[in-house]
Amino acid sequence: ADLAFWQTDQLIGRILEDVNATNWELYLSGDNNFRYAIDPEYKANRKEMVRPRHLEAIREYLVTQWNASIADGYEADDSIGIRAYTSRGDNVVICSIDKDLLQIPGVHYNFVRRTIETISEVEARRNFYIQLLVGDPADNIKGCPGIGKVKAPKILEGCNTEGQFIEAVAGAYARAYEPEPWEHHLIKNAHLLHIKRTEED
């Protein structure tokens, strides 16, 4: 475990150096996640996955040595989304490899690719609605039947406002499910995929 702790220190140190951070906040997901109540199949595809050997020890290390906070009632992504969105304009950089966080506007640093990009409000919204069409296989979220990464951006072409995005996505779901009802599929996926921007979201 000592090597794992050293590697953790090295990685976090490199991230802080890369983004020139003067202070930081670290978030971990807890057990209590509202998404499981919405859909018991959420992340069910991960049950067979082998957990990293020192996962629990490193989680504890991050809390005790790096002052990490454990999210309660939602995921670490939501904690980051709330903190970044409510602190926008305060020189905040979101450091993550999770594409879900690209629905939060601001500066994003991918610490595996070591790339930095600024996501505008419109791009952030577009990223959310693309996910709503495509789904997220990593989290066992199906999305809109028959729509993948190629079709989704085409459906949203020319959309800039919230109303335009909603109209385009609702139309795609309606066509995919006709003559069956489609609204509950769209609403469920939106609740599963939406990263919180405020506590009330």
N, C-alpha and C. Protein backbone atom coordinates (compact mmCIF):
# COMPACT_ATOMS: atom_id res chain seq x y z
N ALA A 1 0.83 -1.21 0.00
CA ALA A 1 0.00 0.00 0.00
C ALA A 1 0.86 1.26 0.00
N ASP A 2 2.08 1.16 0.55
CA ASP A 2 2.95 2.34 0.60
C ASP A 2 3.25 2.89 -0.79
N LEU A 3 3.48 1.96 -1.74
CA LEU A 3 3.74 2.37 -3.12
C LEU A 3 2.50 3.07 -3.70
N ALA A 4 1.32 2.52 -3.40
CA ALA A 4 0.07 3.12 -3.89
C ALA A 4 -0.10 4.53 -3.32
N PHE A 5 0.24 4.73 -2.04
CA PHE A 5 0.14 6.06 -1.43
C PHE A 5 1.12 7.03 -2.11
N TRP A 6 2.32 6.55 -2.38
CA TRP A 6 3.33 7.38 -3.04
C TRP A 6 2.85 7.78 -4.44
N GLN A 7 2.27 6.80 -5.17
CA GLN A 7 1.76 7.08 -6.52
C GLN A 7 0.61 8.10 -6.47
N THR A 8 -0.22 7.98 -5.43
CA THR A 8 -1.32 8.94 -5.24
C THR A 8 -0.76 10.35 -5.04
N ASP A 9 0.23 10.47 -4.16
CA ASP A 9 0.87 11.77 -3.91
C ASP A 9 1.47 12.34 -5.19
N GLN A 10 2.13 11.47 -5.96
CA GLN A 10 2.78 11.91 -7.20
C GLN A 10 1.75 12.44 -8.19
N LEU A 11 0.65 11.69 -8.35
CA LEU A 11 -0.39 12.08 -9.31
C LEU A 11 -1.03 13.41 -8.91
N ILE A 12 -1.43 13.52 -7.65
CA ILE A 12 -2.08 14.76 -7.21
C ILE A 12 -1.10 15.93 -7.31
N GLY A 13 0.14 15.69 -6.92
CA GLY A 13 1.17 16.73 -7.02
C GLY A 13 1.34 17.21 -8.44
N ARG A 14 1.36 16.27 -9.39
CA ARG A 14 1.51 16.63 -10.81
C ARG A 14 0.31 17.44 -11.31
N ILE A 15 -0.90 17.01 -10.91
CA ILE A 15 -2.11 17.73 -11.33
C ILE A 15 -2.07 19.17 -10.82
N LEU A 16 -1.74 19.34 -9.54
CA LEU A 16 -1.70 20.68 -8.95
C LEU A 16 -0.66 21.56 -9.62
N GLU A 17 0.47 20.93 -9.98
CA GLU A 17 1.53 21.66 -10.69
C GLU A 17 1.08 22.05 -12.09
N ASP A 18 0.46 21.10 -12.80
CA ASP A 18 0.02 21.35 -14.18
C ASP A 18 -0.97 22.50 -14.28
N VAL A 19 -1.86 22.60 -13.29
CA VAL A 19 -2.88 23.66 -13.35
C VAL A 19 -2.49 24.88 -12.52
N ASN A 20 -1.28 24.82 -11.95
CA ASN A 20 -0.76 25.95 -11.18
C ASN A 20 -1.69 26.32 -10.03
N ALA A 21 -2.14 25.31 -9.29
CA ALA A 21 -3.12 25.52 -8.22
C ALA A 21 -2.47 26.07 -6.96
N THR A 22 -3.17 27.02 -6.35
CA THR A 22 -2.71 27.54 -5.06
C THR A 22 -3.49 26.86 -3.92
N ASN A 23 -4.70 26.40 -4.22
CA ASN A 23 -5.43 25.56 -3.27
C ASN A 23 -6.31 24.60 -4.06
N TRP A 24 -6.86 23.62 -3.39
CA TRP A 24 -7.61 22.57 -4.08
C TRP A 24 -8.65 21.98 -3.15
N GLU A 25 -9.62 21.31 -3.77
CA GLU A 25 -10.62 20.52 -3.04
C GLU A 25 -10.75 19.19 -3.76
N LEU A 26 -10.82 18.13 -2.98
CA LEU A 26 -10.88 16.78 -3.53
C LEU A 26 -12.18 16.13 -3.10
N TYR A 27 -12.87 15.46 -4.02
CA TYR A 27 -14.17 14.85 -3.70
C TYR A 27 -14.19 13.37 -4.06
N LEU A 28 -14.83 12.58 -3.18
CA LEU A 28 -15.03 11.14 -3.40
C LEU A 28 -16.52 10.85 -3.33
N SER A 29 -16.96 9.82 -4.07
CA SER A 29 -18.36 9.40 -4.01
C SER A 29 -18.59 8.54 -2.77
N GLY A 30 -19.74 8.75 -2.11
CA GLY A 30 -20.14 7.91 -0.98
C GLY A 30 -21.05 6.79 -1.46
N ASP A 31 -21.69 6.12 -0.52
CA ASP A 31 -22.56 4.98 -0.87
C ASP A 31 -23.97 5.43 -1.24
N ASN A 32 -24.36 6.57 -0.72
CA ASN A 32 -25.76 6.99 -0.79
C ASN A 32 -26.00 7.85 -2.03
N ASN A 33 -26.46 7.25 -3.12
CA ASN A 33 -26.59 7.97 -4.39
C ASN A 33 -28.04 7.91 -4.87
N PHE A 34 -28.67 9.08 -5.02
CA PHE A 34 -30.09 9.14 -5.39
C PHE A 34 -30.39 8.44 -6.72
N ARG A 35 -29.39 8.27 -7.58
CA ARG A 35 -29.64 7.69 -8.90
C ARG A 35 -30.07 6.21 -8.82
N TYR A 36 -29.63 5.51 -7.77
CA TYR A 36 -30.04 4.11 -7.62
C TYR A 36 -31.54 3.98 -7.35
N ALA A 37 -32.12 4.99 -6.70
CA ALA A 37 -33.56 4.97 -6.44
C ALA A 37 -34.34 5.23 -7.73
N ILE A 38 -33.77 6.01 -8.64
CA ILE A 38 -34.43 6.31 -9.92
C ILE A 38 -34.40 5.08 -10.82
N ASP A 39 -33.26 4.38 -10.82
CA ASP A 39 -33.10 3.20 -11.68
C ASP A 39 -32.18 2.19 -11.00
N PRO A 40 -32.75 1.07 -10.52
CA PRO A 40 -31.93 0.04 -9.87
C PRO A 40 -30.85 -0.54 -10.80
N GLU A 41 -31.02 -0.36 -12.11
CA GLU A 41 -30.04 -0.87 -13.07
C GLU A 41 -28.86 0.08 -13.27
N TYR A 42 -28.92 1.26 -12.64
CA TYR A 42 -27.84 2.24 -12.76
C TYR A 42 -26.54 1.61 -12.26
N LYS A 43 -25.53 1.59 -13.13
CA LYS A 43 -24.20 1.02 -12.84
C LYS A 43 -24.24 -0.47 -12.49
N ALA A 44 -25.36 -1.15 -12.79
CA ALA A 44 -25.46 -2.59 -12.48
C ALA A 44 -24.45 -3.41 -13.29
N ASN A 45 -24.01 -2.85 -14.43
CA ASN A 45 -23.03 -3.53 -15.27
C ASN A 45 -21.64 -3.58 -14.65
N ARG A 46 -21.46 -2.89 -13.52
CA ARG A 46 -20.14 -2.86 -12.89
C ARG A 46 -19.98 -3.90 -11.78
N LYS A 47 -21.06 -4.62 -11.48
CA LYS A 47 -21.02 -5.56 -10.35
C LYS A 47 -19.92 -6.60 -10.45
N GLU A 48 -19.64 -7.03 -11.69
CA GLU A 48 -18.63 -8.07 -11.90
C GLU A 48 -17.20 -7.52 -11.97
N MET A 49 -17.08 -6.20 -11.99
CA MET A 49 -15.74 -5.60 -12.13
C MET A 49 -14.90 -5.83 -10.87
N VAL A 50 -13.63 -6.12 -11.08
CA VAL A 50 -12.71 -6.31 -9.96
C VAL A 50 -12.30 -4.94 -9.45
N ARG A 51 -12.50 -4.72 -8.14
CA ARG A 51 -12.13 -3.44 -7.56
C ARG A 51 -10.62 -3.37 -7.37
N PRO A 52 -10.03 -2.20 -7.59
CA PRO A 52 -8.57 -2.07 -7.40
C PRO A 52 -8.16 -2.52 -6.00
N ARG A 53 -6.99 -3.14 -5.92
CA ARG A 53 -6.53 -3.80 -4.71
C ARG A 53 -6.50 -2.89 -3.47
N HIS A 54 -6.01 -1.69 -3.63
CA HIS A 54 -5.84 -0.80 -2.47
C HIS A 54 -6.89 0.31 -2.42
N LEU A 55 -8.04 0.07 -3.08
CA LEU A 55 -9.05 1.13 -3.22
C LEU A 55 -9.46 1.74 -1.87
N GLU A 56 -9.85 0.90 -0.93
CA GLU A 56 -10.34 1.43 0.36
C GLU A 56 -9.23 2.15 1.12
N ALA A 57 -8.02 1.59 1.07
CA ALA A 57 -6.88 2.21 1.76
C ALA A 57 -6.58 3.59 1.16
N ILE A 58 -6.65 3.69 -0.16
CA ILE A 58 -6.37 4.96 -0.83
C ILE A 58 -7.48 5.98 -0.54
N ARG A 59 -8.73 5.51 -0.52
CA ARG A 59 -9.84 6.42 -0.18
C ARG A 59 -9.61 7.03 1.21
N GLU A 60 -9.24 6.16 2.16
CA GLU A 60 -8.99 6.62 3.52
C GLU A 60 -7.80 7.60 3.56
N TYR A 61 -6.79 7.27 2.77
CA TYR A 61 -5.59 8.11 2.67
C TYR A 61 -5.94 9.50 2.11
N LEU A 62 -6.79 9.52 1.09
CA LEU A 62 -7.21 10.79 0.48
C LEU A 62 -7.98 11.65 1.49
N VAL A 63 -8.77 11.00 2.34
CA VAL A 63 -9.53 11.75 3.35
C VAL A 63 -8.60 12.28 4.45
N THR A 64 -7.71 11.41 4.94
CA THR A 64 -6.87 11.80 6.08
C THR A 64 -5.69 12.69 5.67
N GLN A 65 -5.07 12.41 4.52
CA GLN A 65 -3.87 13.14 4.13
C GLN A 65 -4.13 14.30 3.16
N TRP A 66 -5.19 14.17 2.36
CA TRP A 66 -5.47 15.21 1.35
C TRP A 66 -6.79 15.94 1.61
N ASN A 67 -7.39 15.64 2.77
CA ASN A 67 -8.61 16.35 3.19
C ASN A 67 -9.77 16.20 2.20
N ALA A 68 -9.88 15.03 1.56
CA ALA A 68 -10.96 14.78 0.61
C ALA A 68 -12.31 14.74 1.32
N SER A 69 -13.35 15.26 0.64
CA SER A 69 -14.72 15.21 1.17
C SER A 69 -15.46 14.05 0.49
N ILE A 70 -16.31 13.38 1.26
CA ILE A 70 -17.11 12.28 0.69
C ILE A 70 -18.52 12.81 0.45
N ALA A 71 -18.98 12.71 -0.81
CA ALA A 71 -20.31 13.20 -1.18
C ALA A 71 -21.37 12.35 -0.50
N ASP A 72 -22.44 12.98 -0.04
CA ASP A 72 -23.53 12.25 0.62
C ASP A 72 -24.84 12.49 -0.13
N GLY A 73 -25.44 11.42 -0.62
CA GLY A 73 -26.71 11.54 -1.33
C GLY A 73 -26.56 11.65 -2.83
N TYR A 74 -25.35 11.97 -3.27
CA TYR A 74 -25.05 12.03 -4.70
C TYR A 74 -23.59 11.68 -4.92
N GLU A 75 -23.10 11.88 -6.16
CA GLU A 75 -21.74 11.45 -6.49
C GLU A 75 -20.72 12.58 -6.38
N ALA A 76 -19.45 12.20 -6.41
CA ALA A 76 -18.37 13.18 -6.39
C ALA A 76 -18.53 14.16 -7.55
N ASP A 77 -18.96 13.67 -8.71
CA ASP A 77 -19.19 14.55 -9.88
C ASP A 77 -20.15 15.68 -9.54
N ASP A 78 -21.21 15.35 -8.77
CA ASP A 78 -22.19 16.36 -8.38
C ASP A 78 -21.56 17.40 -7.45
N SER A 79 -20.74 16.91 -6.50
CA SER A 79 -20.05 17.84 -5.58
C SER A 79 -19.16 18.79 -6.37
N ILE A 80 -18.45 18.24 -7.36
CA ILE A 80 -17.56 19.07 -8.19
C ILE A 80 -18.40 20.05 -9.02
N GLY A 81 -19.49 19.55 -9.60
CA GLY A 81 -20.38 20.40 -10.41
C GLY A 81 -20.92 21.57 -9.61
N ILE A 82 -21.40 21.30 -8.38
CA ILE A 82 -21.95 22.36 -7.52
C ILE A 82 -20.86 23.37 -7.17
N ARG A 83 -19.71 22.86 -6.75
CA ARG A 83 -18.62 23.74 -6.31
C ARG A 83 -18.11 24.60 -7.46
N ALA A 84 -17.93 23.97 -8.64
CA ALA A 84 -17.40 24.70 -9.80
C ALA A 84 -18.40 25.73 -10.32
N TYR A 85 -19.69 25.33 -10.35
CA TYR A 85 -20.70 26.23 -10.91
C TYR A 85 -20.97 27.41 -9.99
N THR A 86 -21.02 27.16 -8.67
CA THR A 86 -21.29 28.25 -7.74
C THR A 86 -20.06 29.15 -7.56
N SER A 87 -18.88 28.64 -7.95
CA SER A 87 -17.64 29.44 -7.82
C SER A 87 -17.15 29.94 -9.17
N ARG A 88 -17.99 29.87 -10.22
CA ARG A 88 -17.53 30.26 -11.55
C ARG A 88 -17.08 31.71 -11.54
N GLY A 89 -16.02 31.95 -12.27
CA GLY A 89 -15.42 33.28 -12.27
C GLY A 89 -14.32 33.42 -11.23
N ASP A 90 -14.17 32.39 -10.38
CA ASP A 90 -13.15 32.45 -9.32
C ASP A 90 -11.88 31.71 -9.69
N ASN A 91 -11.58 31.60 -11.00
CA ASN A 91 -10.35 30.94 -11.42
C ASN A 91 -10.32 29.47 -11.02
N VAL A 92 -11.45 28.77 -11.23
CA VAL A 92 -11.59 27.36 -10.86
C VAL A 92 -11.23 26.49 -12.06
N VAL A 93 -10.51 25.40 -11.81
CA VAL A 93 -10.22 24.40 -12.84
C VAL A 93 -10.79 23.06 -12.36
N ILE A 94 -11.62 22.43 -13.19
CA ILE A 94 -12.15 21.10 -12.88
C ILE A 94 -11.13 20.08 -13.38
N CYS A 95 -10.59 19.27 -12.49
CA CYS A 95 -9.59 18.26 -12.86
C CYS A 95 -10.24 16.88 -12.80
N SER A 96 -10.50 16.31 -13.96
CA SER A 96 -11.22 15.03 -14.01
C SER A 96 -11.02 14.39 -15.39
N ILE A 97 -11.20 13.07 -15.44
CA ILE A 97 -11.18 12.40 -16.74
C ILE A 97 -12.61 11.97 -17.13
N ASP A 98 -13.59 12.37 -16.31
CA ASP A 98 -14.98 11.94 -16.52
C ASP A 98 -15.68 12.89 -17.49
N LYS A 99 -16.15 12.36 -18.61
CA LYS A 99 -16.80 13.19 -19.62
C LYS A 99 -18.11 13.80 -19.10
N ASP A 100 -18.71 13.20 -18.07
CA ASP A 100 -19.96 13.73 -17.51
C ASP A 100 -19.78 15.18 -17.05
N LEU A 101 -18.59 15.50 -16.54
CA LEU A 101 -18.37 16.85 -16.02
C LEU A 101 -18.25 17.90 -17.11
N LEU A 102 -18.15 17.47 -18.38
CA LEU A 102 -18.08 18.43 -19.48
C LEU A 102 -19.42 19.13 -19.71
N GLN A 103 -20.45 18.76 -18.91
CA GLN A 103 -21.72 19.50 -18.97
C GLN A 103 -21.73 20.67 -17.98
N ILE A 104 -20.60 20.88 -17.32
CA ILE A 104 -20.43 22.03 -16.42
C ILE A 104 -19.52 23.04 -17.14
N PRO A 105 -19.99 24.28 -17.34
CA PRO A 105 -19.14 25.26 -18.02
C PRO A 105 -17.92 25.62 -17.17
N GLY A 106 -16.84 25.99 -17.85
CA GLY A 106 -15.63 26.40 -17.13
C GLY A 106 -14.39 25.77 -17.71
N VAL A 107 -13.28 25.87 -16.98
CA VAL A 107 -12.00 25.33 -17.42
C VAL A 107 -11.88 23.89 -16.93
N HIS A 108 -11.53 22.99 -17.87
CA HIS A 108 -11.43 21.56 -17.57
C HIS A 108 -10.03 21.05 -17.89
N TYR A 109 -9.47 20.30 -16.94
CA TYR A 109 -8.15 19.70 -17.13
C TYR A 109 -8.29 18.19 -17.07
N ASN A 110 -7.91 17.50 -18.17
CA ASN A 110 -7.90 16.04 -18.21
C ASN A 110 -6.50 15.58 -17.83
N PHE A 111 -6.37 14.96 -16.65
CA PHE A 111 -5.03 14.67 -16.13
C PHE A 111 -4.39 13.41 -16.71
N VAL A 112 -5.12 12.67 -17.55
CA VAL A 112 -4.51 11.55 -18.27
C VAL A 112 -3.94 12.05 -19.59
N ARG A 113 -4.77 12.78 -20.34
CA ARG A 113 -4.31 13.35 -21.61
C ARG A 113 -3.44 14.59 -21.38
N ARG A 114 -3.56 15.19 -20.21
CA ARG A 114 -2.86 16.43 -19.86
C ARG A 114 -3.26 17.56 -20.80
N THR A 115 -4.57 17.66 -21.03
CA THR A 115 -5.11 18.71 -21.90
C THR A 115 -6.00 19.63 -21.07
N ILE A 116 -6.06 20.89 -21.48
CA ILE A 116 -6.92 21.86 -20.79
C ILE A 116 -7.82 22.52 -21.82
N GLU A 117 -9.10 22.67 -21.50
CA GLU A 117 -10.03 23.33 -22.42
C GLU A 117 -11.07 24.11 -21.63
N THR A 118 -11.59 25.14 -22.27
CA THR A 118 -12.64 25.95 -21.65
C THR A 118 -13.96 25.61 -22.34
N ILE A 119 -14.95 25.23 -21.52
CA ILE A 119 -16.27 24.85 -22.02
C ILE A 119 -17.24 26.00 -21.76
N SER A 120 -17.85 26.50 -22.83
CA SER A 120 -18.83 27.59 -22.68
C SER A 120 -20.16 27.01 -22.17
N GLU A 121 -21.07 27.90 -21.78
CA GLU A 121 -22.40 27.47 -21.32
C GLU A 121 -23.12 26.69 -22.41
N VAL A 122 -23.06 27.16 -23.65
CA VAL A 122 -23.75 26.47 -24.76
C VAL A 122 -23.12 25.10 -25.01
N GLU A 123 -21.79 25.04 -25.00
CA GLU A 123 -21.10 23.74 -25.19
C GLU A 123 -21.45 22.77 -24.06
N ALA A 124 -21.51 23.29 -22.83
CA ALA A 124 -21.85 22.45 -21.68
C ALA A 124 -23.25 21.86 -21.85
N ARG A 125 -24.20 22.69 -22.26
CA ARG A 125 -25.57 22.22 -22.49
C ARG A 125 -25.60 21.19 -23.62
N ARG A 126 -24.87 21.50 -24.69
CA ARG A 126 -24.82 20.57 -25.84
C ARG A 126 -24.26 19.21 -25.39
N ASN A 127 -23.22 19.21 -24.55
CA ASN A 127 -22.63 17.96 -24.06
C ASN A 127 -23.65 17.14 -23.28
N PHE A 128 -24.47 17.83 -22.47
CA PHE A 128 -25.51 17.12 -21.70
C PHE A 128 -26.54 16.49 -22.64
N TYR A 129 -27.00 17.26 -23.62
CA TYR A 129 -28.05 16.74 -24.52
C TYR A 129 -27.51 15.66 -25.46
N ILE A 130 -26.25 15.73 -25.81
CA ILE A 130 -25.65 14.63 -26.58
C ILE A 130 -25.67 13.35 -25.75
N GLN A 131 -25.31 13.46 -24.47
CA GLN A 131 -25.35 12.28 -23.60
C GLN A 131 -26.77 11.75 -23.45
N LEU A 132 -27.73 12.65 -23.42
CA LEU A 132 -29.13 12.26 -23.29
C LEU A 132 -29.58 11.44 -24.51
N LEU A 133 -29.01 11.74 -25.66
CA LEU A 133 -29.33 10.98 -26.87
C LEU A 133 -28.54 9.67 -26.93
N VAL A 134 -27.25 9.73 -26.59
CA VAL A 134 -26.35 8.58 -26.74
C VAL A 134 -26.45 7.62 -25.56
N GLY A 135 -26.70 8.16 -24.36
CA GLY A 135 -26.65 7.35 -23.15
C GLY A 135 -25.22 7.24 -22.64
N ASP A 136 -25.02 6.38 -21.67
CA ASP A 136 -23.68 6.20 -21.09
C ASP A 136 -23.50 4.73 -20.72
N PRO A 137 -22.89 3.94 -21.63
CA PRO A 137 -22.71 2.50 -21.37
C PRO A 137 -21.93 2.22 -20.08
N ALA A 138 -21.00 3.12 -19.73
CA ALA A 138 -20.20 2.93 -18.51
C ALA A 138 -21.08 2.90 -17.27
N ASP A 139 -22.22 3.65 -17.31
CA ASP A 139 -23.13 3.70 -16.17
C ASP A 139 -24.42 2.92 -16.41
N ASN A 140 -24.45 2.17 -17.52
CA ASN A 140 -25.62 1.35 -17.87
C ASN A 140 -26.87 2.20 -18.16
N ILE A 141 -26.64 3.36 -18.81
CA ILE A 141 -27.75 4.24 -19.20
C ILE A 141 -27.93 4.10 -20.71
N LYS A 142 -29.15 3.71 -21.11
CA LYS A 142 -29.37 3.30 -22.51
C LYS A 142 -29.44 4.45 -23.52
N GLY A 143 -29.95 5.60 -23.14
CA GLY A 143 -30.07 6.69 -24.13
C GLY A 143 -31.26 6.48 -25.05
N CYS A 144 -31.23 7.13 -26.20
CA CYS A 144 -32.33 7.04 -27.16
C CYS A 144 -32.02 5.93 -28.17
N PRO A 145 -32.90 4.95 -28.32
CA PRO A 145 -32.63 3.82 -29.22
C PRO A 145 -32.26 4.26 -30.64
N GLY A 146 -31.21 3.64 -31.17
CA GLY A 146 -30.82 3.89 -32.56
C GLY A 146 -29.95 5.12 -32.76
N ILE A 147 -29.60 5.81 -31.66
CA ILE A 147 -28.79 7.02 -31.81
C ILE A 147 -27.45 6.83 -31.12
N GLY A 148 -26.38 7.08 -31.89
CA GLY A 148 -25.02 6.95 -31.35
C GLY A 148 -24.27 8.27 -31.46
N LYS A 149 -22.96 8.16 -31.35
CA LYS A 149 -22.11 9.37 -31.31
C LYS A 149 -22.10 10.15 -32.62
N VAL A 150 -22.46 9.49 -33.73
CA VAL A 150 -22.45 10.18 -35.03
C VAL A 150 -23.77 10.93 -35.24
N LYS A 151 -24.89 10.25 -34.94
CA LYS A 151 -26.21 10.86 -35.17
C LYS A 151 -26.51 12.00 -34.20
N ALA A 152 -26.11 11.82 -32.94
CA ALA A 152 -26.49 12.78 -31.89
C ALA A 152 -26.12 14.22 -32.22
N PRO A 153 -24.85 14.52 -32.59
CA PRO A 153 -24.51 15.92 -32.90
C PRO A 153 -25.32 16.48 -34.08
N LYS A 154 -25.65 15.59 -35.04
CA LYS A 154 -26.44 16.04 -36.21
C LYS A 154 -27.84 16.47 -35.78
N ILE A 155 -28.43 15.73 -34.83
CA ILE A 155 -29.77 16.06 -34.34
C ILE A 155 -29.77 17.43 -33.65
N LEU A 156 -28.65 17.76 -33.00
CA LEU A 156 -28.56 19.02 -32.25
C LEU A 156 -27.96 20.17 -33.05
N GLU A 157 -27.68 19.91 -34.31
CA GLU A 157 -27.09 20.95 -35.17
C GLU A 157 -27.98 22.19 -35.19
N GLY A 158 -27.38 23.36 -34.99
CA GLY A 158 -28.15 24.60 -35.03
C GLY A 158 -28.84 24.95 -33.72
N CYS A 159 -28.79 24.04 -32.73
CA CYS A 159 -29.41 24.32 -31.42
C CYS A 159 -28.45 25.13 -30.56
N ASN A 160 -28.99 26.17 -29.94
CA ASN A 160 -28.18 26.99 -29.03
C ASN A 160 -28.89 27.28 -27.71
N THR A 161 -30.21 27.38 -27.76
CA THR A 161 -30.96 27.69 -26.54
C THR A 161 -31.48 26.40 -25.91
N GLU A 162 -31.80 26.50 -24.61
CA GLU A 162 -32.35 25.34 -23.88
C GLU A 162 -33.59 24.79 -24.59
N GLY A 163 -34.47 25.71 -25.02
CA GLY A 163 -35.70 25.30 -25.71
C GLY A 163 -35.43 24.52 -26.98
N GLN A 164 -34.44 24.98 -27.76
CA GLN A 164 -34.09 24.29 -29.01
C GLN A 164 -33.53 22.89 -28.74
N PHE A 165 -32.66 22.79 -27.72
CA PHE A 165 -32.10 21.49 -27.36
C PHE A 165 -33.21 20.53 -26.94
N ILE A 166 -34.10 21.00 -26.08
CA ILE A 166 -35.19 20.14 -25.56
C ILE A 166 -36.08 19.67 -26.70
N GLU A 167 -36.42 20.60 -27.58
CA GLU A 167 -37.30 20.26 -28.72
C GLU A 167 -36.67 19.19 -29.61
N ALA A 168 -35.37 19.34 -29.90
CA ALA A 168 -34.67 18.38 -30.77
C ALA A 168 -34.58 17.00 -30.12
N VAL A 169 -34.25 16.97 -28.82
CA VAL A 169 -34.10 15.69 -28.12
C VAL A 169 -35.46 15.01 -27.93
N ALA A 170 -36.47 15.79 -27.56
CA ALA A 170 -37.82 15.24 -27.38
C ALA A 170 -38.32 14.64 -28.70
N GLY A 171 -38.04 15.33 -29.79
CA GLY A 171 -38.45 14.83 -31.11
C GLY A 171 -37.78 13.51 -31.44
N ALA A 172 -36.50 13.39 -31.11
CA ALA A 172 -35.76 12.15 -31.38
C ALA A 172 -36.33 10.99 -30.55
N TYR A 173 -36.61 11.24 -29.27
CA TYR A 173 -37.19 10.20 -28.41
C TYR A 173 -38.58 9.80 -28.91
N ALA A 174 -39.40 10.79 -29.30
CA ALA A 174 -40.75 10.51 -29.79
C ALA A 174 -40.69 9.62 -31.03
N ARG A 175 -39.78 9.94 -31.95
CA ARG A 175 -39.66 9.13 -33.18
C ARG A 175 -39.16 7.72 -32.87
N ALA A 176 -38.22 7.60 -31.93
CA ALA A 176 -37.63 6.30 -31.60
C ALA A 176 -38.63 5.37 -30.94
N TYR A 177 -39.51 5.92 -30.13
CA TYR A 177 -40.43 5.08 -29.33
C TYR A 177 -41.83 4.95 -29.93
N GLU A 178 -42.16 5.76 -30.98
CA GLU A 178 -43.54 5.70 -31.47
C GLU A 178 -43.91 4.28 -31.90
N PRO A 179 -45.14 3.83 -31.65
CA PRO A 179 -46.25 4.58 -31.03
C PRO A 179 -46.27 4.47 -29.49
N GLU A 180 -45.22 3.94 -28.89
CA GLU A 180 -45.17 3.81 -27.42
C GLU A 180 -44.93 5.18 -26.77
N PRO A 181 -45.35 5.32 -25.49
CA PRO A 181 -45.03 6.57 -24.76
C PRO A 181 -43.51 6.68 -24.59
N TRP A 182 -42.99 7.87 -24.67
CA TRP A 182 -41.53 8.07 -24.64
C TRP A 182 -41.06 8.99 -23.52
N GLU A 183 -42.01 9.80 -22.98
CA GLU A 183 -41.60 10.84 -22.02
C GLU A 183 -40.86 10.29 -20.81
N HIS A 184 -41.35 9.17 -20.25
CA HIS A 184 -40.73 8.66 -19.01
C HIS A 184 -39.29 8.19 -19.26
N HIS A 185 -39.00 7.70 -20.48
CA HIS A 185 -37.62 7.30 -20.81
C HIS A 185 -36.70 8.52 -20.80
N LEU A 186 -37.19 9.59 -21.42
CA LEU A 186 -36.40 10.83 -21.50
C LEU A 186 -36.17 11.42 -20.11
N ILE A 187 -37.23 11.49 -19.31
CA ILE A 187 -37.13 12.09 -17.96
C ILE A 187 -36.19 11.27 -17.07
N LYS A 188 -36.32 9.94 -17.13
CA LYS A 188 -35.46 9.08 -16.31
C LYS A 188 -33.99 9.29 -16.69
N ASN A 189 -33.70 9.27 -17.98
CA ASN A 189 -32.32 9.45 -18.44
C ASN A 189 -31.77 10.83 -18.05
N ALA A 190 -32.63 11.85 -18.14
CA ALA A 190 -32.20 13.20 -17.77
C ALA A 190 -31.82 13.26 -16.30
N HIS A 191 -32.61 12.62 -15.44
CA HIS A 191 -32.30 12.60 -14.00
C HIS A 191 -31.01 11.84 -13.72
N LEU A 192 -30.77 10.77 -14.47
CA LEU A 192 -29.56 9.96 -14.25
C LEU A 192 -28.30 10.68 -14.74
N LEU A 193 -28.41 11.37 -15.86
CA LEU A 193 -27.23 11.96 -16.50
C LEU A 193 -26.88 13.37 -16.02
N HIS A 194 -27.88 14.09 -15.52
CA HIS A 194 -27.66 15.49 -15.13
C HIS A 194 -26.74 15.60 -13.92
N ILE A 195 -25.66 16.35 -14.08
CA ILE A 195 -24.75 16.63 -12.96
C ILE A 195 -25.26 17.90 -12.27
N LYS A 196 -25.36 17.83 -10.96
CA LYS A 196 -25.90 18.97 -10.20
C LYS A 196 -25.02 20.22 -10.37
N ARG A 197 -25.69 21.36 -10.47
CA ARG A 197 -25.00 22.66 -10.47
C ARG A 197 -25.27 23.40 -9.16
N THR A 198 -26.38 23.05 -8.52
CA THR A 198 -26.69 23.59 -7.19
C THR A 198 -27.24 22.43 -6.35
N GLU A 199 -27.28 22.61 -5.05
CA GLU A 199 -27.82 21.57 -4.15
C GLU A 199 -29.26 21.22 -4.51
N GLU A 200 -30.02 22.22 -5.02
CA GLU A 200 -31.45 22.02 -5.28
C GLU A 200 -31.73 21.33 -6.61
N ASP A 201 -30.73 21.22 -7.48
CA ASP A 201 -30.93 20.60 -8.80
C ASP A 201 -31.55 19.22 -8.69
